[in-house]
């Protein structure tokens, strides 16, 4: 979408390994920050969704419910992704479905990708093939760090809050989100860990039992999947190919991928359009483009939020997590979380935290 808007005369081909509609394990929360990125990308929320106006943070045995400055929309990914494909087609892009990436090589000033049974010759490409995709390997880039998640969709309680439980007994958190599944009330219950833990599905089941979440008429088994964690020093692309979405990495604090896939894809599309329109010097295009991409990622609103998430995740889930989780039991942390989730700068809550925990935060 970003490339089509910047350079409508360019031919844009979108290739996906899946055929839509397709299922994808995901909590489905389109946060205020993600809705902001949807707007920036020229996309609209056109599918049914549950509006979540509050977030709940549990930490250190305490629970705080705070209002989200910008409510979140919780979707069924099967429906939402299908509509995104329709919007991309409506913008004039060619969409090829059911064509997994098989090979990739540079050719001249661009490259060739073998997708499904066809070849696609490109001048510039954005690789967004997810945590399990092969684009990084084909580009001879490091694989990065992947972390596990488990999710189950169960009978709903009628709650409309986004619940984040840091007391779930893992270096991460458990969540409860409202879910969209037919006419019945449902919930997405999941657990996220920055470390591989034996029987993570068992941890989720025990946490669900403690939450009294019933496997009712709309159950979906606890499905395993993983996320690639964003590394600020990691690669952003190679030659005429930029990484985006989970091929680039997600927020390690909350495991939020949708916001950052929209963010990185938008910026990659803008830069590709500028380069192909002659607004960037043609040579050496690959290295120049990657440097410009890294700089744009780092200085954008979501990029600054992601940098903060990387720093906080290292503390909250690291060796000194006990004292950091003690801070997380402060209501000001829940208010700051609500600001970040909503895509707003958490300046006010952050200043209050700094005044209270100056010595600890300095460490």
Protein backbone atom coordinates (compact mmCIF):
# COMPACT_ATOMS: atom_id res chain seq x y z
CA UNK A 1 0.00 0.00 0.00
CA UNK A 2 2.75 2.45 0.94
CA UNK A 3 4.60 1.83 -2.33
CA UNK A 4 1.45 2.20 -4.43
CA UNK A 5 0.57 5.49 -2.75
CA UNK A 6 4.08 6.94 -3.17
CA UNK A 7 4.62 5.73 -6.73
CA UNK A 8 1.30 4.70 -8.36
CA UNK A 9 2.94 4.04 -11.72
CA UNK A 10 5.17 1.28 -10.34
CA UNK A 11 4.17 -2.36 -10.71
CA UNK A 12 3.76 -3.90 -7.27
CA UNK A 13 3.46 -7.69 -6.85
CA UNK A 14 2.53 -9.13 -3.45
CA UNK A 15 3.27 -12.84 -3.06
CA UNK A 16 2.08 -14.97 -0.13
CA UNK A 17 2.70 -18.60 0.69
CA UNK A 18 -0.86 -18.91 2.01
CA UNK A 19 -4.17 -18.99 0.19
CA UNK A 20 -6.72 -16.72 1.85
CA UNK A 21 -8.68 -16.98 4.03
CA UNK A 22 -6.17 -18.77 6.20
CA UNK A 23 -5.88 -19.38 9.93
CA UNK A 24 -3.06 -17.86 11.95
CA UNK A 25 -2.46 -18.30 15.69
CA UNK A 26 -2.69 -14.80 17.14
CA UNK A 27 -4.33 -12.97 20.03
CA UNK A 28 -5.81 -10.65 17.41
CA UNK A 29 -5.44 -7.37 19.34
CA UNK A 30 -4.98 -4.44 16.98
CA UNK A 31 -3.71 -1.94 19.54
CA UNK A 32 -4.06 1.82 19.28
CA UNK A 33 -0.46 1.88 18.07
CA UNK A 34 -1.31 -0.67 15.37
CA UNK A 35 -4.43 1.29 14.36
CA UNK A 36 -2.20 4.36 14.01
CA UNK A 37 0.07 2.36 11.68
CA UNK A 38 -2.95 1.12 9.73
CA UNK A 39 -3.99 4.73 9.15
CA UNK A 40 -0.46 5.66 8.06
CA UNK A 41 -0.45 2.77 5.59
CA UNK A 42 -3.80 3.79 4.08
CA UNK A 43 -5.65 0.74 5.45
CA UNK A 44 -9.11 0.69 7.05
CA UNK A 45 -10.65 -1.48 9.75
CA UNK A 46 -13.58 -2.99 7.83
CA UNK A 47 -14.16 -6.32 9.60
CA UNK A 48 -16.17 -7.09 12.72
CA UNK A 49 -14.19 -6.60 15.90
CA UNK A 50 -14.45 -6.20 19.66
CA UNK A 51 -13.52 -2.79 21.05
CA UNK A 52 -11.28 -2.96 24.14
CA UNK A 53 -11.25 0.30 26.08
CA UNK A 54 -9.27 -0.86 29.12
CA UNK A 55 -6.09 -2.79 29.88
CA UNK A 56 -5.33 -4.70 33.08
CA UNK A 57 -1.76 -5.17 34.30
CA UNK A 58 -1.06 -7.75 36.99
CA UNK A 59 2.35 -7.70 38.63
CA UNK A 60 3.75 -8.29 42.09
CA UNK A 61 0.43 -9.59 43.34
CA UNK A 62 -1.37 -6.37 42.41
CA UNK A 63 -3.78 -5.60 39.58
CA UNK A 64 -4.46 -2.25 37.94
CA UNK A 65 -7.20 -1.53 35.39
CA UNK A 66 -6.57 1.57 33.28
CA UNK A 67 -8.29 3.21 30.35
CA UNK A 68 -6.61 3.01 26.96
CA UNK A 69 -6.23 6.53 25.49
CA UNK A 70 -6.97 4.96 22.12
CA UNK A 71 -9.11 1.80 22.32
CA UNK A 72 -7.87 -1.40 20.72
CA UNK A 73 -9.79 -3.49 18.18
CA UNK A 74 -9.67 -7.26 18.62
CA UNK A 75 -10.21 -9.16 15.38
CA UNK A 76 -10.31 -12.69 14.04
CA UNK A 77 -7.10 -12.87 12.04
CA UNK A 78 -8.69 -15.10 9.39
CA UNK A 79 -11.20 -12.36 8.55
CA UNK A 80 -8.89 -9.38 9.03
CA UNK A 81 -6.04 -10.77 6.91
CA UNK A 82 -8.45 -11.66 4.12
CA UNK A 83 -9.76 -8.10 4.09
CA UNK A 84 -6.22 -6.67 4.04
CA UNK A 85 -5.56 -8.71 0.91
CA UNK A 86 -8.74 -7.25 -0.61
CA UNK A 87 -7.61 -3.71 0.24
CA UNK A 88 -4.19 -4.31 -1.31
CA UNK A 89 -5.83 -5.62 -4.49
CA UNK A 90 -8.15 -2.63 -4.48
CA UNK A 91 -5.13 -0.31 -4.39
CA UNK A 92 -3.92 -1.81 -7.68
CA UNK A 93 -1.31 -4.32 -6.51
CA UNK A 94 -1.12 -7.77 -8.07
CA UNK A 95 -1.56 -10.44 -5.38
CA UNK A 96 -0.29 -13.99 -5.89
CA UNK A 97 -1.53 -16.53 -3.33
CA UNK A 98 -0.38 -20.06 -2.50
CA UNK A 99 3.17 -19.39 -3.70
CA UNK A 100 5.81 -20.02 -1.01
CA UNK A 101 9.26 -18.55 -1.47
CA UNK A 102 11.66 -21.25 -2.69
CA UNK A 103 14.77 -19.42 -3.86
CA UNK A 104 16.14 -15.91 -4.11
CA UNK A 105 19.18 -14.47 -5.80
CA UNK A 106 20.52 -11.15 -7.01
CA UNK A 107 20.54 -10.46 -10.72
CA UNK A 108 21.90 -7.26 -12.16
CA UNK A 109 20.60 -4.26 -10.23
CA UNK A 110 17.72 -6.31 -8.76
CA UNK A 111 16.97 -9.96 -8.22
CA UNK A 112 14.85 -13.02 -8.97
CA UNK A 113 12.56 -14.82 -6.53
CA UNK A 114 11.19 -18.29 -7.19
CA UNK A 115 7.73 -18.35 -5.62
CA UNK A 116 5.54 -21.36 -6.09
CA UNK A 117 5.95 -22.40 -9.72
CA UNK A 118 6.86 -18.98 -11.11
CA UNK A 119 9.76 -16.56 -11.25
CA UNK A 120 9.34 -12.96 -10.15
CA UNK A 121 11.99 -10.52 -11.37
CA UNK A 122 12.25 -7.47 -9.15
CA UNK A 123 14.20 -4.25 -8.80
CA UNK A 124 13.50 -4.02 -5.07
CA UNK A 125 11.76 -6.45 -2.72
CA UNK A 126 10.38 -6.44 0.80
CA UNK A 127 10.66 -9.85 2.50
CA UNK A 128 7.97 -10.29 5.15
CA UNK A 129 7.75 -14.08 5.32
CA UNK A 130 7.47 -14.40 9.09
CA UNK A 131 9.43 -16.08 11.85
CA UNK A 132 9.55 -19.42 10.02
CA UNK A 133 10.27 -17.96 6.58
CA UNK A 134 13.45 -18.67 4.65
CA UNK A 135 14.28 -15.19 3.33
CA UNK A 136 16.98 -14.60 5.95
CA UNK A 137 18.68 -17.89 5.12
CA UNK A 138 18.49 -17.24 1.38
CA UNK A 139 20.05 -13.80 1.95
CA UNK A 140 22.82 -15.35 4.12
CA UNK A 141 21.65 -13.32 7.15
CA UNK A 142 21.67 -14.54 10.77
CA UNK A 143 18.47 -16.26 11.82
CA UNK A 144 17.95 -14.17 14.95
CA UNK A 145 16.30 -15.28 18.19
CA UNK A 146 12.89 -16.94 18.26
CA UNK A 147 10.70 -17.34 21.34
CA UNK A 148 7.68 -19.60 21.98
CA UNK A 149 3.99 -18.80 22.48
CA UNK A 150 0.90 -20.85 23.12
CA UNK A 151 -2.69 -19.76 22.55
CA UNK A 152 -6.12 -21.27 23.11
CA UNK A 153 -9.48 -19.78 22.18
CA UNK A 154 -12.07 -20.69 24.82
CA UNK A 155 -15.58 -19.90 25.97
CA UNK A 156 -15.83 -16.20 26.75
CA UNK A 157 -16.62 -14.46 30.03
CA UNK A 158 -18.03 -11.29 28.52
CA UNK A 159 -14.96 -9.30 29.57
CA UNK A 160 -13.73 -6.70 27.11
CA UNK A 161 -10.36 -5.87 28.67
CA UNK A 162 -6.84 -6.65 27.48
CA UNK A 163 -5.32 -8.51 30.45
CA UNK A 164 -1.54 -8.85 30.83
CA UNK A 165 -0.45 -11.09 33.74
CA UNK A 166 3.23 -10.79 34.68
CA UNK A 167 2.63 -13.14 37.64
CA UNK A 168 2.06 -16.18 35.41
CA UNK A 169 5.36 -17.79 36.43
CA UNK A 170 7.28 -17.41 33.17
CA UNK A 171 9.89 -14.91 31.91
CA UNK A 172 7.14 -13.20 29.99
CA UNK A 173 3.42 -12.98 30.66
CA UNK A 174 0.02 -14.59 30.12
CA UNK A 175 -2.85 -12.81 28.43
CA UNK A 176 -6.61 -12.77 28.12
CA UNK A 177 -8.23 -10.91 25.24
CA UNK A 178 -11.82 -10.92 23.99
CA UNK A 179 -12.09 -12.91 20.77
CA UNK A 180 -14.32 -12.83 17.68
CA UNK A 181 -15.66 -16.30 16.92
CA UNK A 182 -19.10 -16.51 15.34
CA UNK A 183 -22.02 -15.38 17.46
CA UNK A 184 -20.64 -16.77 20.72
CA UNK A 185 -18.59 -14.90 23.29
CA UNK A 186 -15.02 -16.16 23.29
CA UNK A 187 -11.61 -15.33 24.70
CA UNK A 188 -8.06 -15.75 23.53
CA UNK A 189 -5.90 -17.06 26.37
CA UNK A 190 -2.19 -17.35 25.84
CA UNK A 191 1.26 -17.39 27.33
CA UNK A 192 4.44 -15.76 26.04
CA UNK A 193 7.96 -16.55 27.21
CA UNK A 194 11.30 -15.10 26.13
CA UNK A 195 12.91 -18.46 27.02
CA UNK A 196 12.15 -21.97 25.83
CA UNK A 197 10.27 -23.69 28.65
CA UNK A 198 9.47 -27.37 28.84
CA UNK A 199 5.74 -28.03 28.52
CA UNK A 200 4.72 -24.43 27.93
CA UNK A 201 1.30 -25.74 26.91
CA UNK A 202 0.99 -27.31 30.37
CA UNK A 203 1.86 -23.95 31.94
CA UNK A 204 -0.92 -22.36 29.91
CA UNK A 205 -3.45 -25.00 30.95
CA UNK A 206 -2.60 -24.57 34.64
CA UNK A 207 -2.88 -20.79 34.33
CA UNK A 208 -6.21 -21.16 32.57
CA UNK A 209 -7.44 -23.42 35.38
CA UNK A 210 -6.44 -20.75 37.91
CA UNK A 211 -8.34 -18.19 35.83
CA UNK A 212 -11.34 -20.55 35.65
CA UNK A 213 -11.36 -20.38 31.88
CA UNK A 214 -13.59 -23.15 30.57
CA UNK A 215 -13.09 -25.13 27.41
CA UNK A 216 -16.56 -24.52 26.04
CA UNK A 217 -18.33 -24.78 22.70
CA UNK A 218 -15.74 -22.70 20.82
CA UNK A 219 -12.44 -24.27 21.87
CA UNK A 220 -9.29 -24.13 19.82
CA UNK A 221 -6.42 -26.22 21.16
CA UNK A 222 -3.33 -24.56 22.60
CA UNK A 223 -1.42 -24.18 19.37
CA UNK A 224 2.34 -23.70 19.42
CA UNK A 225 4.03 -21.00 17.41
CA UNK A 226 7.02 -18.74 17.73
CA UNK A 227 8.03 -15.15 17.15
CA UNK A 228 11.33 -13.70 16.00
CA UNK A 229 12.48 -11.04 18.46
CA UNK A 230 13.64 -7.71 17.08
CA UNK A 231 17.36 -7.08 17.54
CA UNK A 232 18.40 -3.42 17.16
CA UNK A 233 21.83 -4.51 15.93
CA UNK A 234 20.47 -7.22 13.63
CA UNK A 235 20.12 -7.06 9.86
CA UNK A 236 17.41 -5.01 8.16
CA UNK A 237 18.01 -6.39 4.69
CA UNK A 238 20.64 -7.23 2.08
CA UNK A 239 21.20 -5.71 -1.33
CA UNK A 240 17.85 -4.91 -2.99
CA UNK A 241 15.83 -6.78 -0.33
CA UNK A 242 14.48 -5.20 2.89
CA UNK A 243 13.17 -7.25 5.82
CA UNK A 244 9.79 -6.39 7.34
CA UNK A 245 7.27 -7.88 9.73
CA UNK A 246 8.42 -10.94 11.65
CA UNK A 247 11.26 -11.43 9.19
CA UNK A 248 12.63 -8.27 10.82
CA UNK A 249 11.34 -8.98 14.34
CA UNK A 250 8.67 -8.14 16.90
CA UNK A 251 8.49 -6.27 20.17
CA UNK A 252 10.21 -8.47 22.82
CA UNK A 253 8.31 -6.87 25.72
CA UNK A 254 4.75 -7.73 24.68
CA UNK A 255 5.42 -9.91 21.64
CA UNK A 256 3.35 -7.45 19.60
CA UNK A 257 3.88 -8.15 15.94
CA UNK A 258 0.96 -6.54 14.08
CA UNK A 259 1.92 -2.96 14.90
CA UNK A 260 5.52 -3.47 13.92
CA UNK A 261 4.71 -5.40 10.75
CA UNK A 262 2.57 -2.49 9.57
CA UNK A 263 5.28 -0.03 10.65
CA UNK A 264 8.23 -1.74 8.99
CA UNK A 265 6.25 -2.62 5.86
CA UNK A 266 5.10 0.98 5.45
CA UNK A 267 8.60 2.42 5.80
CA UNK A 268 10.12 -0.24 3.54
CA UNK A 269 7.48 0.50 0.91
CA UNK A 270 8.09 4.25 1.09
CA UNK A 271 11.85 3.85 0.69
CA UNK A 272 11.45 1.37 -2.15
CA UNK A 273 9.14 3.80 -3.97
CA UNK A 274 11.59 6.68 -3.47
CA UNK A 275 14.50 4.59 -4.71
CA UNK A 276 12.64 3.34 -7.78
CA UNK A 277 11.43 6.85 -8.56
CA UNK A 278 15.02 8.11 -8.67
CA UNK A 279 14.86 10.04 -5.39
CA UNK A 280 17.80 8.04 -4.00
CA UNK A 281 21.11 7.70 -5.89
CA UNK A 282 21.10 4.50 -7.95
CA UNK A 283 24.50 3.19 -6.82
CA UNK A 284 25.26 1.52 -4.52
CA UNK A 285 21.52 1.14 -4.09
CA UNK A 286 21.51 -1.90 -1.80
CA UNK A 287 23.76 -0.60 0.96
CA UNK A 288 22.35 2.92 0.73
CA UNK A 289 18.79 1.65 0.96
CA UNK A 290 19.53 -0.51 4.01
CA UNK A 291 21.24 2.39 5.79
CA UNK A 292 18.34 4.71 5.03
CA UNK A 293 15.87 2.03 6.16
CA UNK A 294 17.63 1.47 9.50
CA UNK A 295 17.69 5.22 10.15
CA UNK A 296 13.99 5.64 9.32
CA UNK A 297 13.03 2.71 11.53
CA UNK A 298 15.01 4.04 14.48
CA UNK A 299 13.65 7.60 14.36
CA UNK A 300 9.94 6.94 13.74
CA UNK A 301 7.31 6.94 16.50
CA UNK A 302 6.88 3.16 16.56
CA UNK A 303 10.64 2.72 16.22
CA UNK A 304 11.22 4.73 19.39
CA UNK A 305 8.53 2.69 21.18
CA UNK A 306 10.22 -0.51 20.01
CA UNK A 307 13.62 0.67 21.29
CA UNK A 308 12.02 1.29 24.70
CA UNK A 309 10.40 -2.17 24.62
CA UNK A 310 13.77 -3.81 23.91
CA UNK A 311 15.34 -2.11 26.93
CA UNK A 312 12.44 -2.89 29.26
CA UNK A 313 12.21 -6.53 28.17
CA UNK A 314 15.88 -7.07 29.03
CA UNK A 315 15.17 -5.86 32.56
CA UNK A 316 11.68 -7.18 33.20
CA UNK A 317 12.46 -10.69 31.93
CA UNK A 318 16.19 -10.80 32.72
CA UNK A 319 18.35 -11.76 35.70
CA UNK A 320 17.05 -8.89 37.85
CA UNK A 321 13.41 -9.34 36.94
CA UNK A 322 12.25 -9.55 40.59
CA UNK A 323 13.06 -5.94 41.39
CA UNK A 324 11.78 -4.73 38.03
CA UNK A 325 8.50 -6.55 38.53
CA UNK A 326 8.22 -4.82 41.89
CA UNK A 327 8.25 -1.55 39.97
CA UNK A 328 5.71 -3.00 37.52
CA UNK A 329 3.22 -3.33 40.40
CA UNK A 330 2.96 0.48 40.47
CA UNK A 331 -0.18 1.90 38.88
CA UNK A 332 1.96 4.39 36.96
CA UNK A 333 3.44 1.43 35.05
CA UNK A 334 -0.06 0.32 34.00
CA UNK A 335 -0.79 3.88 32.88
CA UNK A 336 2.45 3.98 30.90
CA UNK A 337 1.58 0.61 29.35
CA UNK A 338 -1.80 2.00 28.29
CA UNK A 339 -0.08 4.97 26.65
CA UNK A 340 2.40 2.77 24.75
CA UNK A 341 -0.25 0.24 23.69
CA UNK A 342 -2.34 3.15 22.41
CA UNK A 343 0.54 4.55 20.37
CA UNK A 344 0.93 7.62 22.59
CA UNK A 345 4.17 8.84 24.20
CA UNK A 346 4.22 7.67 27.87
CA UNK A 347 5.86 10.91 29.06
CA UNK A 348 3.65 11.68 32.08
CA UNK A 349 3.66 8.19 33.66
CA UNK A 350 7.37 7.79 32.84
CA UNK A 351 8.27 11.00 34.68
CA UNK A 352 6.30 9.88 37.73
CA UNK A 353 8.12 6.55 37.69
CA UNK A 354 11.47 8.29 37.34
CA UNK A 355 10.81 10.46 40.37
CA UNK A 356 9.86 7.42 42.48
CA UNK A 357 12.51 4.94 41.33
CA UNK A 358 15.37 7.17 40.21
CA UNK A 359 18.17 5.06 41.71
CA UNK A 360 16.79 1.74 40.44
CA UNK A 361 16.03 3.02 36.94
CA UNK A 362 19.55 4.45 36.72
CA UNK A 363 20.90 0.92 37.19
